[in-house]
């Protein structure tokens, strides 16, 4: 496996994008659409929390 893929996988694991270290051995595998959607929704939750706090 290319070094850049390994570094990308390790960074994703450290930042919680992937939770299972076994994915580091399978970075060339295809991902099902549901898994990609789940990651995207988790990212959106981190960037845009559903509850907004008002300072008023």
C-alpha atoms as a PDB file:
ATOM      1  CA  UNK A   1       0.000   0.000   0.000  1.00  0.00           C
ATOM      2  CA  UNK A   2       1.205   3.509  -0.784  1.00  0.00           C
ATOM      3  CA  UNK A   3       2.562   5.586   2.089  1.00  0.00           C
ATOM      4  CA  UNK A   4       0.078   8.415   1.528  1.00  0.00           C
ATOM      5  CA  UNK A   5      -2.843   6.026   1.956  1.00  0.00           C
ATOM      6  CA  UNK A   6      -1.378   4.681   5.181  1.00  0.00           C
ATOM      7  CA  UNK A   7      -0.867   8.219   6.534  1.00  0.00           C
ATOM      8  CA  UNK A   8      -4.400   9.186   5.544  1.00  0.00           C
ATOM      9  CA  UNK A   9      -5.840   6.132   7.289  1.00  0.00           C
ATOM     10  CA  UNK A  10      -3.830   6.748  10.447  1.00  0.00           C
ATOM     11  CA  UNK A  11      -4.938  10.389  10.562  1.00  0.00           C
ATOM     12  CA  UNK A  12      -8.565   9.324  10.103  1.00  0.00           C
ATOM     13  CA  UNK A  13      -8.234   6.842  12.948  1.00  0.00           C
ATOM     14  CA  UNK A  14      -6.622   9.392  15.280  1.00  0.00           C
ATOM     15  CA  UNK A  15      -9.329  11.959  14.579  1.00  0.00           C
ATOM     16  CA  UNK A  16     -12.183   9.501  15.012  1.00  0.00           C
ATOM     17  CA  UNK A  17     -13.301   9.426  11.381  1.00  0.00           C
ATOM     18  CA  UNK A  18     -12.826   5.668  11.446  1.00  0.00           C
ATOM     19  CA  UNK A  19     -13.149   3.794  14.695  1.00  0.00           C
ATOM     20  CA  UNK A  20     -11.803   0.351  13.852  1.00  0.00           C
ATOM     21  CA  UNK A  21      -8.016   0.058  13.371  1.00  0.00           C
ATOM     22  CA  UNK A  22      -8.588  -2.952  11.113  1.00  0.00           C
ATOM     23  CA  UNK A  23      -9.626  -0.498   8.392  1.00  0.00           C
ATOM     24  CA  UNK A  24      -5.947   0.447   8.062  1.00  0.00           C
ATOM     25  CA  UNK A  25      -5.369  -2.934   6.419  1.00  0.00           C
ATOM     26  CA  UNK A  26      -8.325  -2.473   4.064  1.00  0.00           C
ATOM     27  CA  UNK A  27      -7.878   1.058   2.715  1.00  0.00           C
ATOM     28  CA  UNK A  28      -8.132  -0.156  -0.885  1.00  0.00           C
ATOM     29  CA  UNK A  29     -11.480  -1.882  -0.254  1.00  0.00           C
ATOM     30  CA  UNK A  30     -14.734  -0.375  -1.439  1.00  0.00           C
ATOM     31  CA  UNK A  31     -17.079   1.161   1.116  1.00  0.00           C
ATOM     32  CA  UNK A  32     -20.832   0.754   1.001  1.00  0.00           C
ATOM     33  CA  UNK A  33     -22.806   3.915   0.473  1.00  0.00           C
ATOM     34  CA  UNK A  34     -24.387   3.669   3.941  1.00  0.00           C
ATOM     35  CA  UNK A  35     -20.942   3.811   5.574  1.00  0.00           C
ATOM     36  CA  UNK A  36     -19.964   6.923   3.628  1.00  0.00           C
ATOM     37  CA  UNK A  37     -23.290   8.565   4.492  1.00  0.00           C
ATOM     38  CA  UNK A  38     -22.837   7.744   8.179  1.00  0.00           C
ATOM     39  CA  UNK A  39     -19.395   9.361   8.217  1.00  0.00           C
ATOM     40  CA  UNK A  40     -20.706  12.443   6.434  1.00  0.00           C
ATOM     41  CA  UNK A  41     -23.612  12.829   8.874  1.00  0.00           C
ATOM     42  CA  UNK A  42     -21.258  12.489  11.840  1.00  0.00           C
ATOM     43  CA  UNK A  43     -19.029  15.161  10.311  1.00  0.00           C
ATOM     44  CA  UNK A  44     -21.976  17.486   9.807  1.00  0.00           C
ATOM     45  CA  UNK A  45     -23.032  16.945  13.433  1.00  0.00           C
ATOM     46  CA  UNK A  46     -19.568  18.026  14.530  1.00  0.00           C
ATOM     47  CA  UNK A  47     -19.554  21.091  12.285  1.00  0.00           C
ATOM     48  CA  UNK A  48     -23.181  22.157  12.697  1.00  0.00           C
ATOM     49  CA  UNK A  49     -24.692  21.068  15.994  1.00  0.00           C
ATOM     50  CA  UNK A  50     -28.483  20.804  15.854  1.00  0.00           C
ATOM     51  CA  UNK A  51     -29.012  22.993  18.907  1.00  0.00           C
ATOM     52  CA  UNK A  52     -28.016  26.613  18.689  1.00  0.00           C
ATOM     53  CA  UNK A  53     -27.444  28.548  21.857  1.00  0.00           C
ATOM     54  CA  UNK A  54     -28.722  32.091  21.869  1.00  0.00           C
ATOM     55  CA  UNK A  55     -26.926  34.794  23.778  1.00  0.00           C
ATOM     56  CA  UNK A  56     -30.162  36.810  24.105  1.00  0.00           C
END
